PDB file of N, CA and C in Angstrom:
ATOM      1  N   ARG A   1     125.129  94.133 104.581  1.00  0.00           N
ATOM      2  CA  ARG A   1     124.816  95.030 103.478  1.00  0.00           C
ATOM      3  C   ARG A   1     124.638  94.236 102.183  1.00  0.00           C
ATOM      4  N   ALA A   2     125.636  93.448 101.844  1.00  0.00           N
ATOM      5  CA  ALA A   2     125.520  92.629 100.638  1.00  0.00           C
ATOM      6  C   ALA A   2     124.456  91.556 100.819  1.00  0.00           C
ATOM      7  N   SER A   3     124.372  91.009 102.036  1.00  0.00           N
ATOM      8  CA  SER A   3     123.370  89.961 102.268  1.00  0.00           C
ATOM      9  C   SER A   3     121.957  90.529 102.226  1.00  0.00           C
ATOM     10  N   SER A   4     121.782  91.783 102.661  1.00  0.00           N
ATOM     11  CA  SER A   4     120.445  92.379 102.589  1.00  0.00           C
ATOM     12  C   SER A   4     120.049  92.625 101.134  1.00  0.00           C
ATOM     13  N   ARG A   5     121.012  93.013 100.293  1.00  0.00           N
ATOM     14  CA  ARG A   5     120.733  93.159  98.854  1.00  0.00           C
ATOM     15  C   ARG A   5     120.378  91.812  98.239  1.00  0.00           C
ATOM     16  N   THR A   6     121.127  90.801  98.631  1.00  0.00           N
ATOM     17  CA  THR A   6     120.866  89.454  98.115  1.00  0.00           C
ATOM     18  C   THR A   6     119.476  88.996  98.525  1.00  0.00           C
ATOM     19  N   ASN A   7     119.125  89.216  99.785  1.00  0.00           N
ATOM     20  CA  ASN A   7     117.787  88.831 100.254  1.00  0.00           C
ATOM     21  C   ASN A   7     116.702  89.594  99.504  1.00  0.00           C
ATOM     22  N   GLU A   8     116.939  90.866  99.242  1.00  0.00           N
ATOM     23  CA  GLU A   8     115.969  91.663  98.488  1.00  0.00           C
ATOM     24  C   GLU A   8     115.825  91.127  97.066  1.00  0.00           C
ATOM     25  N   GLN A   9     116.939  90.775  96.452  1.00  0.00           N
ATOM     26  CA  GLN A   9     116.891  90.217  95.099  1.00  0.00           C
ATOM     27  C   GLN A   9     116.148  88.885  95.079  1.00  0.00           C
ATOM     28  N   ILE A  10     116.370  88.065  96.087  1.00  0.00           N
ATOM     29  CA  ILE A  10     115.668  86.778  96.178  1.00  0.00           C
ATOM     30  C   ILE A  10     114.169  87.010  96.303  1.00  0.00           C
ATOM     31  N   GLU A  11     113.772  87.966  97.145  1.00  0.00           N
ATOM     32  CA  GLU A  11     112.349  88.276  97.304  1.00  0.00           C
ATOM     33  C   GLU A  11     111.748  88.753  95.987  1.00  0.00           C
ATOM     34  N   LEU A  12     112.485  89.594  95.262  1.00  0.00           N
ATOM     35  CA  LEU A  12     111.990  90.085  93.976  1.00  0.00           C
ATOM     36  C   LEU A  12     111.867  88.958  92.959  1.00  0.00           C
ATOM     37  N   LEU A  13     112.847  88.067  92.938  1.00  0.00           N
ATOM     38  CA  LEU A  13     112.787  86.924  92.020  1.00  0.00           C
ATOM     39  C   LEU A  13     111.623  85.998  92.355  1.00  0.00           C
ATOM     40  N   GLU A  14     111.385  85.790  93.644  1.00  0.00           N
ATOM     41  CA  GLU A  14     110.258  84.943  94.045  1.00  0.00           C
ATOM     42  C   GLU A  14     108.932  85.591  93.660  1.00  0.00           C
ATOM     43  N   ALA A  15     108.833  86.912  93.827  1.00  0.00           N
ATOM     44  CA  ALA A  15     107.615  87.619  93.428  1.00  0.00           C
ATOM     45  C   ALA A  15     107.414  87.529  91.918  1.00  0.00           C
ATOM     46  N   LEU A  16     108.503  87.673  91.171  1.00  0.00           N
ATOM     47  CA  LEU A  16     108.429  87.554  89.713  1.00  0.00           C
ATOM     48  C   LEU A  16     107.983  86.153  89.306  1.00  0.00           C
ATOM     49  N   LEU A  17     108.517  85.152  89.967  1.00  0.00           N
ATOM     50  CA  LEU A  17     108.134  83.771  89.682  1.00  0.00           C
ATOM     51  C   LEU A  17     106.645  83.558  89.938  1.00  0.00           C
ATOM     52  N   ASP A  18     106.135  84.085  91.053  1.00  0.00           N
ATOM     53  CA  ASP A  18     104.708  83.955  91.351  1.00  0.00           C
ATOM     54  C   ASP A  18     103.859  84.627  90.273  1.00  0.00           C
ATOM     55  N   GLN A  19     104.277  85.803  89.832  1.00  0.00           N
ATOM     56  CA  GLN A  19     103.537  86.504  88.779  1.00  0.00           C
ATOM     57  C   GLN A  19     103.559  85.719  87.477  1.00  0.00           C
ATOM     58  N   GLN A  20     104.694  85.138  87.144  1.00  0.00           N
ATOM     59  CA  GLN A  20     104.789  84.354  85.912  1.00  0.00           C
ATOM     60  C   GLN A  20     103.912  83.110  85.984  1.00  0.00           C
ATOM     61  N   LYS A  21     103.847  82.485  87.144  1.00  0.00           N
ATOM     62  CA  LYS A  21     102.970  81.318  87.302  1.00  0.00           C
ATOM     63  C   LYS A  21     101.513  81.721  87.098  1.00  0.00           C
ATOM     64  N   ARG A  22     101.119  82.872  87.672  1.00  0.00           N
ATOM     65  CA  ARG A  22      99.740  83.350  87.490  1.00  0.00           C
ATOM     66  C   ARG A  22      99.458  83.648  86.022  1.00  0.00           C
ATOM     67  N   GLN A  23     100.423  84.269  85.351  1.00  0.00           N
ATOM     68  CA  GLN A  23     100.251  84.562  83.927  1.00  0.00           C
ATOM     69  C   GLN A  23     100.114  83.284  83.114  1.00  0.00           C
ATOM     70  N   ASN A  24     100.909  82.271  83.443  1.00  0.00           N
ATOM     71  CA  ASN A  24     100.811  80.991  82.733  1.00  0.00           C
ATOM     72  C   ASN A  24      99.428  80.380  82.898  1.00  0.00           C
ATOM     73  N   VAL A  25      98.886  80.451  84.112  1.00  0.00           N
ATOM     74  CA  VAL A  25      97.547  79.907  84.358  1.00  0.00           C
ATOM     75  C   VAL A  25      96.518  80.668  83.531  1.00  0.00           C
ATOM     76  N   LEU A  26      96.611  81.996  83.537  1.00  0.00           N
ATOM     77  CA  LEU A  26      95.655  82.808  82.780  1.00  0.00           C
ATOM     78  C   LEU A  26      95.779  82.564  81.283  1.00  0.00           C
ATOM     79  N   LEU A  27      97.004  82.468  80.788  1.00  0.00           N
ATOM     80  CA  LEU A  27      97.203  82.200  79.359  1.00  0.00           C
ATOM     81  C   LEU A  27      96.676  80.824  78.976  1.00  0.00           C
ATOM     82  N   ARG A  28      96.888  79.855  79.841  1.00  0.00           N
ATOM     83  CA  ARG A  28      96.387  78.502  79.563  1.00  0.00           C
ATOM     84  C   ARG A  28      94.860  78.511  79.494  1.00  0.00           C
ATOM     85  N   ARG A  29      94.221  79.228  80.437  1.00  0.00           N
ATOM     86  CA  ARG A  29      92.757  79.322  80.422  1.00  0.00           C
ATOM     87  C   ARG A  29      92.273  80.019  79.157  1.00  0.00           C
ATOM     88  N   LEU A  30      92.960  81.076  78.774  1.00  0.00           N
ATOM     89  CA  LEU A  30      92.581  81.816  77.571  1.00  0.00           C
ATOM     90  C   LEU A  30      92.711  80.946  76.333  1.00  0.00           C
ATOM     91  N   CYS A  31      93.803  80.214  76.244  1.00  0.00           N
ATOM     92  CA  CYS A  31      94.007  79.324  75.090  1.00  0.00           C
ATOM     93  C   CYS A  31      92.953  78.224  75.054  1.00  0.00           C
ATOM     94  N   GLU A  32      92.642  77.665  76.211  1.00  0.00           N
ATOM     95  CA  GLU A  32      91.629  76.610  76.260  1.00  0.00           C
ATOM     96  C   GLU A  32      90.262  77.156  75.871  1.00  0.00           C
ATOM     97  N   ALA A  33      89.968  78.393  76.256  1.00  0.00           N
ATOM     98  CA  ALA A  33      88.676  78.988  75.923  1.00  0.00           C
ATOM     99  C   ALA A  33      88.577  79.285  74.431  1.00  0.00           C
ATOM    100  N   ASN A  34      89.697  79.562  73.784  1.00  0.00           N
ATOM    101  CA  ASN A  34      89.686  79.928  72.365  1.00  0.00           C
ATOM    102  C   ASN A  34      89.872  78.753  71.421  1.00  0.00           C
ATOM    103  N   GLU A  35      90.268  77.601  71.927  1.00  0.00           N
ATOM    104  CA  GLU A  35      90.482  76.467  71.028  1.00  0.00           C
ATOM    105  C   GLU A  35      89.152  75.762  70.759  1.00  0.00           C
ATOM    106  N   PRO A  36      89.025  75.161  69.591  1.00  0.00           N
ATOM    107  CA  PRO A  36      87.778  74.458  69.273  1.00  0.00           C
ATOM    108  C   PRO A  36      87.587  73.253  70.190  1.00  0.00           C
ATOM    109  N   GLU A  37      86.333  72.859  70.351  1.00  0.00           N
ATOM    110  CA  GLU A  37      86.018  71.708  71.203  1.00  0.00           C
ATOM    111  C   GLU A  37      86.661  70.445  70.652  1.00  0.00           C
ATOM    112  N   LYS A  38      87.266  69.668  71.537  1.00  0.00           N
ATOM    113  CA  LYS A  38      87.821  68.380  71.146  1.00  0.00           C
ATOM    114  C   LYS A  38      87.762  67.445  72.340  1.00  0.00           C
ATOM    115  N   ALA A  39      88.109  66.212  72.128  1.00  0.00           N
ATOM    116  CA  ALA A  39      88.036  65.216  73.197  1.00  0.00           C
ATOM    117  C   ALA A  39      88.961  65.607  74.342  1.00  0.00           C
ATOM    118  N   GLU A  40      88.563  65.235  75.530  1.00  0.00           N
ATOM    119  CA  GLU A  40      89.364  65.533  76.723  1.00  0.00           C
ATOM    120  C   GLU A  40      90.685  64.782  76.671  1.00  0.00           C
ATOM    121  N   GLU A  41      91.787  65.497  76.912  1.00  0.00           N
ATOM    122  CA  GLU A  41      93.107  64.870  76.896  1.00  0.00           C
ATOM    123  C   GLU A  41      93.360  64.192  78.239  1.00  0.00           C
ATOM    124  N   PRO A  42      94.237  63.226  78.261  1.00  0.00           N
ATOM    125  CA  PRO A  42      94.547  62.550  79.532  1.00  0.00           C
ATOM    126  C   PRO A  42      95.119  63.526  80.557  1.00  0.00           C
ATOM    127  N   THR A  43      94.856  63.254  81.822  1.00  0.00           N
ATOM    128  CA  THR A  43      95.330  64.149  82.876  1.00  0.00           C
ATOM    129  C   THR A  43      96.834  64.061  83.065  1.00  0.00           C
ATOM    130  N   ALA A  44      97.465  62.992  82.631  1.00  0.00           N
ATOM    131  CA  ALA A  44      98.920  62.862  82.769  1.00  0.00           C
ATOM    132  C   ALA A  44      99.626  63.956  81.982  1.00  0.00           C
ATOM    133  N   VAL A  45      99.080  64.317  80.836  1.00  0.00           N
ATOM    134  CA  VAL A  45      99.678  65.384  80.031  1.00  0.00           C
ATOM    135  C   VAL A  45      99.540  66.710  80.757  1.00  0.00           C
ATOM    136  N   GLN A  46      98.408  66.942  81.389  1.00  0.00           N
ATOM    137  CA  GLN A  46      98.198  68.192  82.104  1.00  0.00           C
ATOM    138  C   GLN A  46      99.144  68.308  83.293  1.00  0.00           C
ATOM    139  N   THR A  47      99.349  67.237  84.042  1.00  0.00           N
ATOM    140  CA  THR A  47     100.254  67.316  85.189  1.00  0.00           C
ATOM    141  C   THR A  47     101.692  67.509  84.738  1.00  0.00           C
ATOM    142  N   GLN A  48     102.056  66.957  83.595  1.00  0.00           N
ATOM    143  CA  GLN A  48     103.412  67.156  83.082  1.00  0.00           C
ATOM    144  C   GLN A  48     103.612  68.627  82.733  1.00  0.00           C
ATOM    145  N   ASP A  49     102.614  69.275  82.126  1.00  0.00           N
ATOM    146  CA  ASP A  49     102.712  70.690  81.794  1.00  0.00           C
ATOM    147  C   ASP A  49     102.867  71.525  83.059  1.00  0.00           C
ATOM    148  N   GLU A  50     102.120  71.173  84.099  1.00  0.00           N
ATOM    149  CA  GLU A  50     102.219  71.914  85.346  1.00  0.00           C
ATOM    150  C   GLU A  50     103.601  71.748  85.964  1.00  0.00           C
ATOM    151  N   ASP A  51     104.169  70.547  85.875  1.00  0.00           N
ATOM    152  CA  ASP A  51     105.507  70.317  86.414  1.00  0.00           C
ATOM    153  C   ASP A  51     106.556  71.118  85.655  1.00  0.00           C
ATOM    154  N   ASP A  52     106.345  71.323  84.355  1.00  0.00           N
ATOM    155  CA  ASP A  52     107.294  72.092  83.557  1.00  0.00           C
ATOM    156  C   ASP A  52     107.326  73.556  83.982  1.00  0.00           C
ATOM    157  N   ASP A  53     106.231  74.065  84.576  1.00  0.00           N
ATOM    158  CA  ASP A  53     106.163  75.457  84.989  1.00  0.00           C
ATOM    159  C   ASP A  53     106.935  75.720  86.277  1.00  0.00           C
ATOM    160  N   ILE A  54     107.264  74.663  87.002  1.00  0.00           N
ATOM    161  CA  ILE A  54     107.917  74.832  88.298  1.00  0.00           C
ATOM    162  C   ILE A  54     109.411  75.057  88.097  1.00  0.00           C
ATOM    163  N   ILE A  55     109.887  76.143  88.672  1.00  0.00           N
ATOM    164  CA  ILE A  55     111.315  76.453  88.626  1.00  0.00           C
ATOM    165  C   ILE A  55     111.782  76.570  90.067  1.00  0.00           C
ATOM    166  N   ARG A  56     112.835  75.889  90.377  1.00  0.00           N
ATOM    167  CA  ARG A  56     113.343  75.928  91.743  1.00  0.00           C
ATOM    168  C   ARG A  56     114.473  76.956  91.838  1.00  0.00           C
ATOM    169  N   LEU A  57     114.376  77.814  92.847  1.00  0.00           N
ATOM    170  CA  LEU A  57     115.406  78.818  93.077  1.00  0.00           C
ATOM    171  C   LEU A  57     116.333  78.328  94.181  1.00  0.00           C
ATOM    172  N   VAL A  58     117.621  78.427  93.937  1.00  0.00           N
ATOM    173  CA  VAL A  58     118.616  78.051  94.935  1.00  0.00           C
ATOM    174  C   VAL A  58     119.441  79.293  95.243  1.00  0.00           C
ATOM    175  N   ALA A  59     119.463  79.664  96.500  1.00  0.00           N
ATOM    176  CA  ALA A  59     120.205  80.861  96.901  1.00  0.00           C
ATOM    177  C   ALA A  59     121.701  80.616  96.761  1.00  0.00           C
ATOM    178  N   GLU A  60     122.394  81.639  96.280  1.00  0.00           N
ATOM    179  CA  GLU A  60     123.854  81.570  96.181  1.00  0.00           C
ATOM    180  C   GLU A  60     124.443  81.669  97.580  1.00  0.00           C
ATOM    181  N   ARG A  61     125.499  80.941  97.806  1.00  0.00           N
ATOM    182  CA  ARG A  61     126.145  80.987  99.129  1.00  0.00           C
ATOM    183  C   ARG A  61     127.526  81.547  99.014  1.00  0.00           C
TER     184      ARG A  61
END
């Protein structure tokens, strides 16, 4: 009973995380489309930003 609630909460948190990742991608695209043209930034900065978006979930035991 408690474990099924926990599993449901984990599923909801994972779904929320996926939605937030999609929103971040859309917001990033929107910001890039609205900013003035400038020189291309190095890709290392872009990969660091993507790594910052990753959140790891650890189930409680």
